[in-house]
Every structure is written in C-alpha cells, then in structure tokens.
Amino acid sequence: MAVSCGGSDTPVDTSRLTDREKEWVEFSYTHEKNNEIKRTWEQLNAEDVKSYLADQRPRLCGDTATLMDGLKEAGYTADEMQEYKDKSEELICSPL
C-alpha cells in the first residue's frame, strides 16, 4: 500500500522510513524529472524504498562533484542542483 509522506499525495510507500528520510523521498520524488524513475519509486514496497535509499546514501553524501554532474546531466538547473544537494545533506547525510 502506498502512503503519502508529509501530508502530500506522493504515491511512494515510506512507512519504514524516519521522518527525515520521508521528507527527503518526498522532495526527491516531486523534483524528479524522469517519469520512468518516478514510476519505479511508486512500484517499490516499503522495504525496497528503505533499501534503495540506503544504496543511494554513498552517492548522495559522498563525492559532491559526481552528484552535481549527475544532476546536471539529468537536466537540473544550478539552483535546483544546489537545493537537491542541500536537502540531501540536511535530511539524509547529516547525523540525527
């Protein structure tokens, strides 16, 4: 069952995530430019969403240049890239 996160209509099952992880998934989903990736998010069960997020942490929280290059290739503007980086750092990279 897909649940909304943060009171939005985001159809991603975030029931196994912390509040900060839920907020990041909602942010990432709503800012995703690739509809195929959005559909993939929607099809994941709660455990797979948690696992995917864990797999992405090293990429999101590691080499900033690589993250920014990936976002640029995906069509993000400089402001969008900075916002994505900042949200990642705030919500999933920094310790609780």
PDB file of N, CA and C in Angstrom:
ATOM      1  N   MET A   1       0.841  -1.174   0.000  1.00  0.00           N
ATOM      2  CA  MET A   1       0.000   0.000   0.000  1.00  0.00           C
ATOM      3  C   MET A   1       0.886   1.238   0.000  1.00  0.00           C
ATOM      4  N   ALA A   2       0.645   2.120  -0.882  1.00  0.00           N
ATOM      5  CA  ALA A   2       1.401   3.366  -0.933  1.00  0.00           C
ATOM      6  C   ALA A   2       0.793   4.340   0.064  1.00  0.00           C
ATOM      7  N   VAL A   3       1.639   5.018   0.772  1.00  0.00           N
ATOM      8  CA  VAL A   3       1.173   6.010   1.715  1.00  0.00           C
ATOM      9  C   VAL A   3       1.768   7.351   1.327  1.00  0.00           C
ATOM     10  N   SER A   4       1.067   8.383   1.664  1.00  0.00           N
ATOM     11  CA  SER A   4       1.632   9.690   1.372  1.00  0.00           C
ATOM     12  C   SER A   4       2.611  10.052   2.468  1.00  0.00           C
ATOM     13  N   CYS A   5       3.558  10.866   2.109  1.00  0.00           N
ATOM     14  CA  CYS A   5       4.523  11.294   3.110  1.00  0.00           C
ATOM     15  C   CYS A   5       4.429  12.797   3.262  1.00  0.00           C
ATOM     16  N   GLY A   6       4.523  13.257   4.473  1.00  0.00           N
ATOM     17  CA  GLY A   6       4.470  14.687   4.725  1.00  0.00           C
ATOM     18  C   GLY A   6       3.126  15.304   4.400  1.00  0.00           C
ATOM     19  N   GLY A   7       2.080  14.496   4.375  1.00  0.00           N
ATOM     20  CA  GLY A   7       0.756  15.010   4.095  1.00  0.00           C
ATOM     21  C   GLY A   7       0.516  15.298   2.626  1.00  0.00           C
ATOM     22  N   SER A   8       1.412  14.873   1.765  1.00  0.00           N
ATOM     23  CA  SER A   8       1.232  15.120   0.335  1.00  0.00           C
ATOM     24  C   SER A   8       0.600  13.906  -0.324  1.00  0.00           C
ATOM     25  N   ASP A   9       0.462  13.972  -1.617  1.00  0.00           N
ATOM     26  CA  ASP A   9      -0.105  12.863  -2.371  1.00  0.00           C
ATOM     27  C   ASP A   9       0.972  12.016  -3.040  1.00  0.00           C
ATOM     28  N   THR A  10       2.188  12.069  -2.545  1.00  0.00           N
ATOM     29  CA  THR A  10       3.281  11.304  -3.123  1.00  0.00           C
ATOM     30  C   THR A  10       2.980   9.821  -2.971  1.00  0.00           C
ATOM     31  N   PRO A  11       2.843   9.093  -4.079  1.00  0.00           N
ATOM     32  CA  PRO A  11       2.438   7.678  -4.012  1.00  0.00           C
ATOM     33  C   PRO A  11       3.605   6.713  -3.792  1.00  0.00           C
ATOM     34  N   VAL A  12       4.452   7.034  -2.822  1.00  0.00           N
ATOM     35  CA  VAL A  12       5.592   6.186  -2.514  1.00  0.00           C
ATOM     36  C   VAL A  12       5.403   5.663  -1.095  1.00  0.00           C
ATOM     37  N   ASP A  13       5.603   4.370  -0.900  1.00  0.00           N
ATOM     38  CA  ASP A  13       5.422   3.759   0.418  1.00  0.00           C
ATOM     39  C   ASP A  13       6.618   4.090   1.294  1.00  0.00           C
ATOM     40  N   THR A  14       6.428   5.022   2.206  1.00  0.00           N
ATOM     41  CA  THR A  14       7.503   5.470   3.095  1.00  0.00           C
ATOM     42  C   THR A  14       7.283   4.998   4.529  1.00  0.00           C
ATOM     43  N   SER A  15       6.468   3.993   4.702  1.00  0.00           N
ATOM     44  CA  SER A  15       6.082   3.562   6.047  1.00  0.00           C
ATOM     45  C   SER A  15       7.238   3.030   6.885  1.00  0.00           C
ATOM     46  N   ARG A  16       8.357   2.646   6.277  1.00  0.00           N
ATOM     47  CA  ARG A  16       9.507   2.118   7.026  1.00  0.00           C
ATOM     48  C   ARG A  16      10.615   3.149   7.221  1.00  0.00           C
ATOM     49  N   LEU A  17      10.352   4.395   6.862  1.00  0.00           N
ATOM     50  CA  LEU A  17      11.386   5.428   6.911  1.00  0.00           C
ATOM     51  C   LEU A  17      11.219   6.340   8.115  1.00  0.00           C
ATOM     52  N   THR A  18      12.326   6.972   8.509  1.00  0.00           N
ATOM     53  CA  THR A  18      12.263   8.008   9.537  1.00  0.00           C
ATOM     54  C   THR A  18      11.595   9.247   8.942  1.00  0.00           C
ATOM     55  N   ASP A  19      11.241  10.178   9.778  1.00  0.00           N
ATOM     56  CA  ASP A  19      10.609  11.409   9.287  1.00  0.00           C
ATOM     57  C   ASP A  19      11.518  12.158   8.319  1.00  0.00           C
ATOM     58  N   ARG A  20      12.812  12.224   8.630  1.00  0.00           N
ATOM     59  CA  ARG A  20      13.752  12.920   7.745  1.00  0.00           C
ATOM     60  C   ARG A  20      13.889  12.186   6.413  1.00  0.00           C
ATOM     61  N   GLU A  21      13.940  10.856   6.448  1.00  0.00           N
ATOM     62  CA  GLU A  21      14.014  10.078   5.209  1.00  0.00           C
ATOM     63  C   GLU A  21      12.747  10.270   4.384  1.00  0.00           C
ATOM     64  N   LYS A  22      11.593  10.281   5.049  1.00  0.00           N
ATOM     65  CA  LYS A  22      10.323  10.516   4.343  1.00  0.00           C
ATOM     66  C   LYS A  22      10.335  11.864   3.642  1.00  0.00           C
ATOM     67  N   GLU A  23      10.805  12.879   4.358  1.00  0.00           N
ATOM     68  CA  GLU A  23      10.857  14.222   3.762  1.00  0.00           C
ATOM     69  C   GLU A  23      11.777  14.242   2.551  1.00  0.00           C
ATOM     70  N   TRP A  24      12.922  13.551   2.646  1.00  0.00           N
ATOM     71  CA  TRP A  24      13.838  13.517   1.505  1.00  0.00           C
ATOM     72  C   TRP A  24      13.216  12.772   0.322  1.00  0.00           C
ATOM     73  N   VAL A  25      12.561  11.637   0.582  1.00  0.00           N
ATOM     74  CA  VAL A  25      11.929  10.881  -0.504  1.00  0.00           C
ATOM     75  C   VAL A  25      10.854  11.736  -1.168  1.00  0.00           C
ATOM     76  N   GLU A  26      10.057  12.422  -0.373  1.00  0.00           N
ATOM     77  CA  GLU A  26       9.027  13.300  -0.941  1.00  0.00           C
ATOM     78  C   GLU A  26       9.666  14.382  -1.804  1.00  0.00           C
ATOM     79  N   PHE A  27      10.710  15.019  -1.284  1.00  0.00           N
ATOM     80  CA  PHE A  27      11.409  16.062  -2.036  1.00  0.00           C
ATOM     81  C   PHE A  27      11.976  15.485  -3.336  1.00  0.00           C
ATOM     82  N   SER A  28      12.678  14.376  -3.232  1.00  0.00           N
ATOM     83  CA  SER A  28      13.315  13.760  -4.402  1.00  0.00           C
ATOM     84  C   SER A  28      12.267  13.360  -5.439  1.00  0.00           C
ATOM     85  N   TYR A  29      11.204  12.752  -4.983  1.00  0.00           N
ATOM     86  CA  TYR A  29      10.146  12.304  -5.894  1.00  0.00           C
ATOM     87  C   TYR A  29       9.503  13.495  -6.617  1.00  0.00           C
ATOM     88  N   THR A  30       9.157  14.522  -5.879  1.00  0.00           N
ATOM     89  CA  THR A  30       8.459  15.651  -6.500  1.00  0.00           C
ATOM     90  C   THR A  30       9.365  16.461  -7.423  1.00  0.00           C
ATOM     91  N   HIS A  31      10.685  16.378  -7.218  1.00  0.00           N
ATOM     92  CA  HIS A  31      11.624  17.108  -8.070  1.00  0.00           C
ATOM     93  C   HIS A  31      12.215  16.238  -9.180  1.00  0.00           C
ATOM     94  N   GLU A  32      11.860  14.965  -9.197  1.00  0.00           N
ATOM     95  CA  GLU A  32      12.399  14.055 -10.217  1.00  0.00           C
ATOM     96  C   GLU A  32      11.890  14.458 -11.592  1.00  0.00           C
ATOM     97  N   LYS A  33      12.801  14.568 -12.545  1.00  0.00           N
ATOM     98  CA  LYS A  33      12.455  14.980 -13.906  1.00  0.00           C
ATOM     99  C   LYS A  33      12.155  13.795 -14.823  1.00  0.00           C
ATOM    100  N   ASN A  34      12.549  12.603 -14.415  1.00  0.00           N
ATOM    101  CA  ASN A  34      12.383  11.411 -15.243  1.00  0.00           C
ATOM    102  C   ASN A  34      11.153  10.637 -14.767  1.00  0.00           C
ATOM    103  N   ASN A  35      10.098  10.594 -15.595  1.00  0.00           N
ATOM    104  CA  ASN A  35       8.866   9.912 -15.204  1.00  0.00           C
ATOM    105  C   ASN A  35       9.062   8.417 -15.000  1.00  0.00           C
ATOM    106  N   GLU A  36      10.009   7.822 -15.708  1.00  0.00           N
ATOM    107  CA  GLU A  36      10.286   6.402 -15.528  1.00  0.00           C
ATOM    108  C   GLU A  36      10.830   6.138 -14.117  1.00  0.00           C
ATOM    109  N   ILE A  37      11.679   7.015 -13.647  1.00  0.00           N
ATOM    110  CA  ILE A  37      12.201   6.873 -12.280  1.00  0.00           C
ATOM    111  C   ILE A  37      11.079   7.076 -11.271  1.00  0.00           C
ATOM    112  N   LYS A  38      10.190   8.031 -11.528  1.00  0.00           N
ATOM    113  CA  LYS A  38       9.045   8.224 -10.635  1.00  0.00           C
ATOM    114  C   LYS A  38       8.201   6.956 -10.553  1.00  0.00           C
ATOM    115  N   ARG A  39       7.936   6.336 -11.695  1.00  0.00           N
ATOM    116  CA  ARG A  39       7.141   5.101 -11.699  1.00  0.00           C
ATOM    117  C   ARG A  39       7.852   3.991 -10.928  1.00  0.00           C
ATOM    118  N   THR A  40       9.166   3.954 -11.038  1.00  0.00           N
ATOM    119  CA  THR A  40       9.930   2.953 -10.292  1.00  0.00           C
ATOM    120  C   THR A  40       9.753   3.173  -8.791  1.00  0.00           C
ATOM    121  N   TRP A  41       9.873   4.411  -8.337  1.00  0.00           N
ATOM    122  CA  TRP A  41       9.642   4.734  -6.922  1.00  0.00           C
ATOM    123  C   TRP A  41       8.271   4.232  -6.481  1.00  0.00           C
ATOM    124  N   GLU A  42       7.249   4.487  -7.307  1.00  0.00           N
ATOM    125  CA  GLU A  42       5.875   4.142  -6.959  1.00  0.00           C
ATOM    126  C   GLU A  42       5.666   2.633  -6.831  1.00  0.00           C
ATOM    127  N   GLN A  43       6.462   1.851  -7.549  1.00  0.00           N
ATOM    128  CA  GLN A  43       6.279   0.404  -7.560  1.00  0.00           C
ATOM    129  C   GLN A  43       7.039  -0.303  -6.439  1.00  0.00           C
ATOM    130  N   LEU A  44       7.912   0.396  -5.738  1.00  0.00           N
ATOM    131  CA  LEU A  44       8.683  -0.221  -4.667  1.00  0.00           C
ATOM    132  C   LEU A  44       7.838  -0.389  -3.409  1.00  0.00           C
ATOM    133  N   ASN A  45       8.027  -1.526  -2.731  1.00  0.00           N
ATOM    134  CA  ASN A  45       7.372  -1.677  -1.436  1.00  0.00           C
ATOM    135  C   ASN A  45       8.204  -0.946  -0.389  1.00  0.00           C
ATOM    136  N   ALA A  46       7.692  -0.879   0.833  1.00  0.00           N
ATOM    137  CA  ALA A  46       8.334  -0.097   1.888  1.00  0.00           C
ATOM    138  C   ALA A  46       9.771  -0.539   2.136  1.00  0.00           C
ATOM    139  N   GLU A  47      10.028  -1.831   2.174  1.00  0.00           N
ATOM    140  CA  GLU A  47      11.376  -2.337   2.430  1.00  0.00           C
ATOM    141  C   GLU A  47      12.319  -1.984   1.285  1.00  0.00           C
ATOM    142  N   ASP A  48      11.820  -2.057   0.056  1.00  0.00           N
ATOM    143  CA  ASP A  48      12.651  -1.715  -1.099  1.00  0.00           C
ATOM    144  C   ASP A  48      12.965  -0.215  -1.151  1.00  0.00           C
ATOM    145  N   VAL A  49      12.027   0.632  -0.728  1.00  0.00           N
ATOM    146  CA  VAL A  49      12.283   2.069  -0.660  1.00  0.00           C
ATOM    147  C   VAL A  49      13.412   2.326   0.334  1.00  0.00           C
ATOM    148  N   LYS A  50      13.339   1.688   1.494  1.00  0.00           N
ATOM    149  CA  LYS A  50      14.378   1.849   2.518  1.00  0.00           C
ATOM    150  C   LYS A  50      15.728   1.352   1.999  1.00  0.00           C
ATOM    151  N   SER A  51      15.723   0.216   1.323  1.00  0.00           N
ATOM    152  CA  SER A  51      16.952  -0.351   0.771  1.00  0.00           C
ATOM    153  C   SER A  51      17.534   0.553  -0.320  1.00  0.00           C
ATOM    154  N   TYR A  52      16.675   1.063  -1.199  1.00  0.00           N
ATOM    155  CA  TYR A  52      17.124   1.960  -2.263  1.00  0.00           C
ATOM    156  C   TYR A  52      17.772   3.206  -1.670  1.00  0.00           C
ATOM    157  N   LEU A  53      17.137   3.756  -0.646  1.00  0.00           N
ATOM    158  CA  LEU A  53      17.687   4.946  -0.011  1.00  0.00           C
ATOM    159  C   LEU A  53      19.054   4.639   0.599  1.00  0.00           C
ATOM    160  N   ALA A  54      19.193   3.501   1.250  1.00  0.00           N
ATOM    161  CA  ALA A  54      20.481   3.105   1.828  1.00  0.00           C
ATOM    162  C   ALA A  54      21.535   2.956   0.735  1.00  0.00           C
ATOM    163  N   ASP A  55      21.153   2.387  -0.401  1.00  0.00           N
ATOM    164  CA  ASP A  55      22.091   2.220  -1.523  1.00  0.00           C
ATOM    165  C   ASP A  55      22.509   3.564  -2.114  1.00  0.00           C
ATOM    166  N   GLN A  56      21.626   4.549  -2.084  1.00  0.00           N
ATOM    167  CA  GLN A  56      21.905   5.856  -2.667  1.00  0.00           C
ATOM    168  C   GLN A  56      22.711   6.766  -1.756  1.00  0.00           C
ATOM    169  N   ARG A  57      22.709   6.502  -0.452  1.00  0.00           N
ATOM    170  CA  ARG A  57      23.400   7.386   0.503  1.00  0.00           C
ATOM    171  C   ARG A  57      24.850   7.675   0.119  1.00  0.00           C
ATOM    172  N   PRO A  58      25.651   6.656  -0.227  1.00  0.00           N
ATOM    173  CA  PRO A  58      27.048   6.970  -0.575  1.00  0.00           C
ATOM    174  C   PRO A  58      27.167   7.940  -1.759  1.00  0.00           C
ATOM    175  N   ARG A  59      26.297   7.810  -2.741  1.00  0.00           N
ATOM    176  CA  ARG A  59      26.323   8.700  -3.907  1.00  0.00           C
ATOM    177  C   ARG A  59      25.857  10.108  -3.521  1.00  0.00           C
ATOM    178  N   LEU A  60      24.828  10.175  -2.708  1.00  0.00           N
ATOM    179  CA  LEU A  60      24.264  11.467  -2.327  1.00  0.00           C
ATOM    180  C   LEU A  60      25.112  12.199  -1.293  1.00  0.00           C
ATOM    181  N   CYS A  61      25.783  11.438  -0.449  1.00  0.00           N
ATOM    182  CA  CYS A  61      26.503  12.033   0.673  1.00  0.00           C
ATOM    183  C   CYS A  61      28.020  11.993   0.488  1.00  0.00           C
ATOM    184  N   GLY A  62      28.461  11.467  -0.623  1.00  0.00           N
ATOM    185  CA  GLY A  62      29.897  11.330  -0.838  1.00  0.00           C
ATOM    186  C   GLY A  62      30.458  12.432  -1.693  1.00  0.00           C
ATOM    187  N   ASP A  63      30.841  12.088  -2.881  1.00  0.00           N
ATOM    188  CA  ASP A  63      31.512  13.000  -3.803  1.00  0.00           C
ATOM    189  C   ASP A  63      30.514  14.005  -4.378  1.00  0.00           C
ATOM    190  N   THR A  64      30.586  15.232  -3.898  1.00  0.00           N
ATOM    191  CA  THR A  64      29.661  16.284  -4.321  1.00  0.00           C
ATOM    192  C   THR A  64      29.758  16.553  -5.820  1.00  0.00           C
ATOM    193  N   ALA A  65      30.969  16.544  -6.366  1.00  0.00           N
ATOM    194  CA  ALA A  65      31.144  16.826  -7.795  1.00  0.00           C
ATOM    195  C   ALA A  65      30.423  15.791  -8.647  1.00  0.00           C
ATOM    196  N   THR A  66      30.510  14.530  -8.262  1.00  0.00           N
ATOM    197  CA  THR A  66      29.831  13.468  -9.009  1.00  0.00           C
ATOM    198  C   THR A  66      28.317  13.633  -8.923  1.00  0.00           C
ATOM    199  N   LEU A  67      27.810  13.950  -7.733  1.00  0.00           N
ATOM    200  CA  LEU A  67      26.378  14.185  -7.560  1.00  0.00           C
ATOM    201  C   LEU A  67      25.920  15.324  -8.452  1.00  0.00           C
ATOM    202  N   MET A  68      26.652  16.433  -8.427  1.00  0.00           N
ATOM    203  CA  MET A  68      26.265  17.599  -9.218  1.00  0.00           C
ATOM    204  C   MET A  68      26.340  17.306 -10.718  1.00  0.00           C
ATOM    205  N   ASP A  69      27.350  16.562 -11.141  1.00  0.00           N
ATOM    206  CA  ASP A  69      27.444  16.176 -12.554  1.00  0.00           C
ATOM    207  C   ASP A  69      26.236  15.343 -12.968  1.00  0.00           C
ATOM    208  N   GLY A  70      25.834  14.406 -12.112  1.00  0.00           N
ATOM    209  CA  GLY A  70      24.675  13.563 -12.407  1.00  0.00           C
ATOM    210  C   GLY A  70      23.400  14.374 -12.503  1.00  0.00           C
ATOM    211  N   LEU A  71      23.237  15.327 -11.597  1.00  0.00           N
ATOM    212  CA  LEU A  71      22.051  16.186 -11.631  1.00  0.00           C
ATOM    213  C   LEU A  71      22.053  17.062 -12.877  1.00  0.00           C
ATOM    214  N   LYS A  72      23.216  17.572 -13.245  1.00  0.00           N
ATOM    215  CA  LYS A  72      23.318  18.402 -14.447  1.00  0.00           C
ATOM    216  C   LYS A  72      22.947  17.604 -15.685  1.00  0.00           C
ATOM    217  N   GLU A  73      23.459  16.373 -15.764  1.00  0.00           N
ATOM    218  CA  GLU A  73      23.132  15.505 -16.904  1.00  0.00           C
ATOM    219  C   GLU A  73      21.642  15.184 -16.962  1.00  0.00           C
ATOM    220  N   ALA A  74      20.996  15.162 -15.791  1.00  0.00           N
ATOM    221  CA  ALA A  74      19.559  14.862 -15.732  1.00  0.00           C
ATOM    222  C   ALA A  74      18.697  16.083 -16.046  1.00  0.00           C
ATOM    223  N   GLY A  75      19.334  17.236 -16.280  1.00  0.00           N
ATOM    224  CA  GLY A  75      18.592  18.416 -16.686  1.00  0.00           C
ATOM    225  C   GLY A  75      18.256  19.398 -15.578  1.00  0.00           C
ATOM    226  N   TYR A  76      18.883  19.249 -14.424  1.00  0.00           N
ATOM    227  CA  TYR A  76      18.631  20.176 -13.330  1.00  0.00           C
ATOM    228  C   TYR A  76      19.374  21.489 -13.570  1.00  0.00           C
ATOM    229  N   THR A  77      18.756  22.604 -13.155  1.00  0.00           N
ATOM    230  CA  THR A  77      19.415  23.903 -13.225  1.00  0.00           C
ATOM    231  C   THR A  77      20.389  24.016 -12.057  1.00  0.00           C
ATOM    232  N   ALA A  78      21.233  25.019 -12.079  1.00  0.00           N
ATOM    233  CA  ALA A  78      22.202  25.226 -10.994  1.00  0.00           C
ATOM    234  C   ALA A  78      21.485  25.406  -9.644  1.00  0.00           C
ATOM    235  N   ASP A  79      20.413  26.184  -9.640  1.00  0.00           N
ATOM    236  CA  ASP A  79      19.659  26.385  -8.395  1.00  0.00           C
ATOM    237  C   ASP A  79      19.030  25.082  -7.911  1.00  0.00           C
ATOM    238  N   GLU A  80      18.464  24.299  -8.835  1.00  0.00           N
ATOM    239  CA  GLU A  80      17.862  23.010  -8.471  1.00  0.00           C
ATOM    240  C   GLU A  80      18.919  22.045  -7.932  1.00  0.00           C
ATOM    241  N   MET A  81      20.081  22.058  -8.548  1.00  0.00           N
ATOM    242  CA  MET A  81      21.163  21.183  -8.105  1.00  0.00           C
ATOM    243  C   MET A  81      21.596  21.551  -6.692  1.00  0.00           C
ATOM    244  N   GLN A  82      21.724  22.835  -6.429  1.00  0.00           N
ATOM    245  CA  GLN A  82      22.128  23.283  -5.095  1.00  0.00           C
ATOM    246  C   GLN A  82      21.063  22.912  -4.060  1.00  0.00           C
ATOM    247  N   GLU A  83      19.797  23.102  -4.411  1.00  0.00           N
ATOM    248  CA  GLU A  83      18.709  22.755  -3.497  1.00  0.00           C
ATOM    249  C   GLU A  83      18.710  21.245  -3.204  1.00  0.00           C
ATOM    250  N   TYR A  84      18.915  20.435  -4.230  1.00  0.00           N
ATOM    251  CA  TYR A  84      18.956  18.978  -4.073  1.00  0.00           C
ATOM    252  C   TYR A  84      20.110  18.583  -3.153  1.00  0.00           C
ATOM    253  N   LYS A  85      21.271  19.161  -3.387  1.00  0.00           N
ATOM    254  CA  LYS A  85      22.450  18.882  -2.552  1.00  0.00           C
ATOM    255  C   LYS A  85      22.187  19.290  -1.107  1.00  0.00           C
ATOM    256  N   ASP A  86      21.649  20.487  -0.909  1.00  0.00           N
ATOM    257  CA  ASP A  86      21.370  20.979   0.441  1.00  0.00           C
ATOM    258  C   ASP A  86      20.356  20.097   1.165  1.00  0.00           C
ATOM    259  N   LYS A  87      19.283  19.718   0.474  1.00  0.00           N
ATOM    260  CA  LYS A  87      18.262  18.853   1.086  1.00  0.00           C
ATOM    261  C   LYS A  87      18.846  17.499   1.440  1.00  0.00           C
ATOM    262  N   SER A  88      19.669  16.953   0.566  1.00  0.00           N
ATOM    263  CA  SER A  88      20.298  15.662   0.844  1.00  0.00           C
ATOM    264  C   SER A  88      21.166  15.763   2.092  1.00  0.00           C
ATOM    265  N   GLU A  89      21.977  16.798   2.163  1.00  0.00           N
ATOM    266  CA  GLU A  89      22.844  16.983   3.331  1.00  0.00           C
ATOM    267  C   GLU A  89      22.036  17.151   4.601  1.00  0.00           C
ATOM    268  N   GLU A  90      20.985  17.943   4.535  1.00  0.00           N
ATOM    269  CA  GLU A  90      20.162  18.236   5.709  1.00  0.00           C
ATOM    270  C   GLU A  90      19.392  17.009   6.191  1.00  0.00           C
ATOM    271  N   LEU A  91      18.823  16.254   5.246  1.00  0.00           N
ATOM    272  CA  LEU A  91      17.872  15.208   5.632  1.00  0.00           C
ATOM    273  C   LEU A  91      18.453  13.806   5.724  1.00  0.00           C
ATOM    274  N   ILE A  92      19.440  13.472   4.906  1.00  0.00           N
ATOM    275  CA  ILE A  92      19.909  12.089   4.950  1.00  0.00           C
ATOM    276  C   ILE A  92      21.412  11.924   5.141  1.00  0.00           C
ATOM    277  N   CYS A  93      22.160  12.999   5.018  1.00  0.00           N
ATOM    278  CA  CYS A  93      23.618  12.876   5.170  1.00  0.00           C
ATOM    279  C   CYS A  93      24.089  13.250   6.568  1.00  0.00           C
ATOM    280  N   SER A  94      23.442  14.228   7.177  1.00  0.00           N
ATOM    281  CA  SER A  94      23.877  14.664   8.497  1.00  0.00           C
ATOM    282  C   SER A  94      23.311  13.737   9.565  1.00  0.00           C
ATOM    283  N   PRO A  95      24.069  13.534  10.645  1.00  0.00           N
ATOM    284  CA  PRO A  95      23.566  12.681  11.727  1.00  0.00           C
ATOM    285  C   PRO A  95      22.331  13.297  12.374  1.00  0.00           C
ATOM    286  N   LEU A  96      21.522  12.425  12.960  1.00  0.00           N
ATOM    287  CA  LEU A  96      20.316  12.899  13.646  1.00  0.00           C
ATOM    288  C   LEU A  96      20.742  13.785  14.769  1.00  0.00           C
TER     289      LEU A  96
END
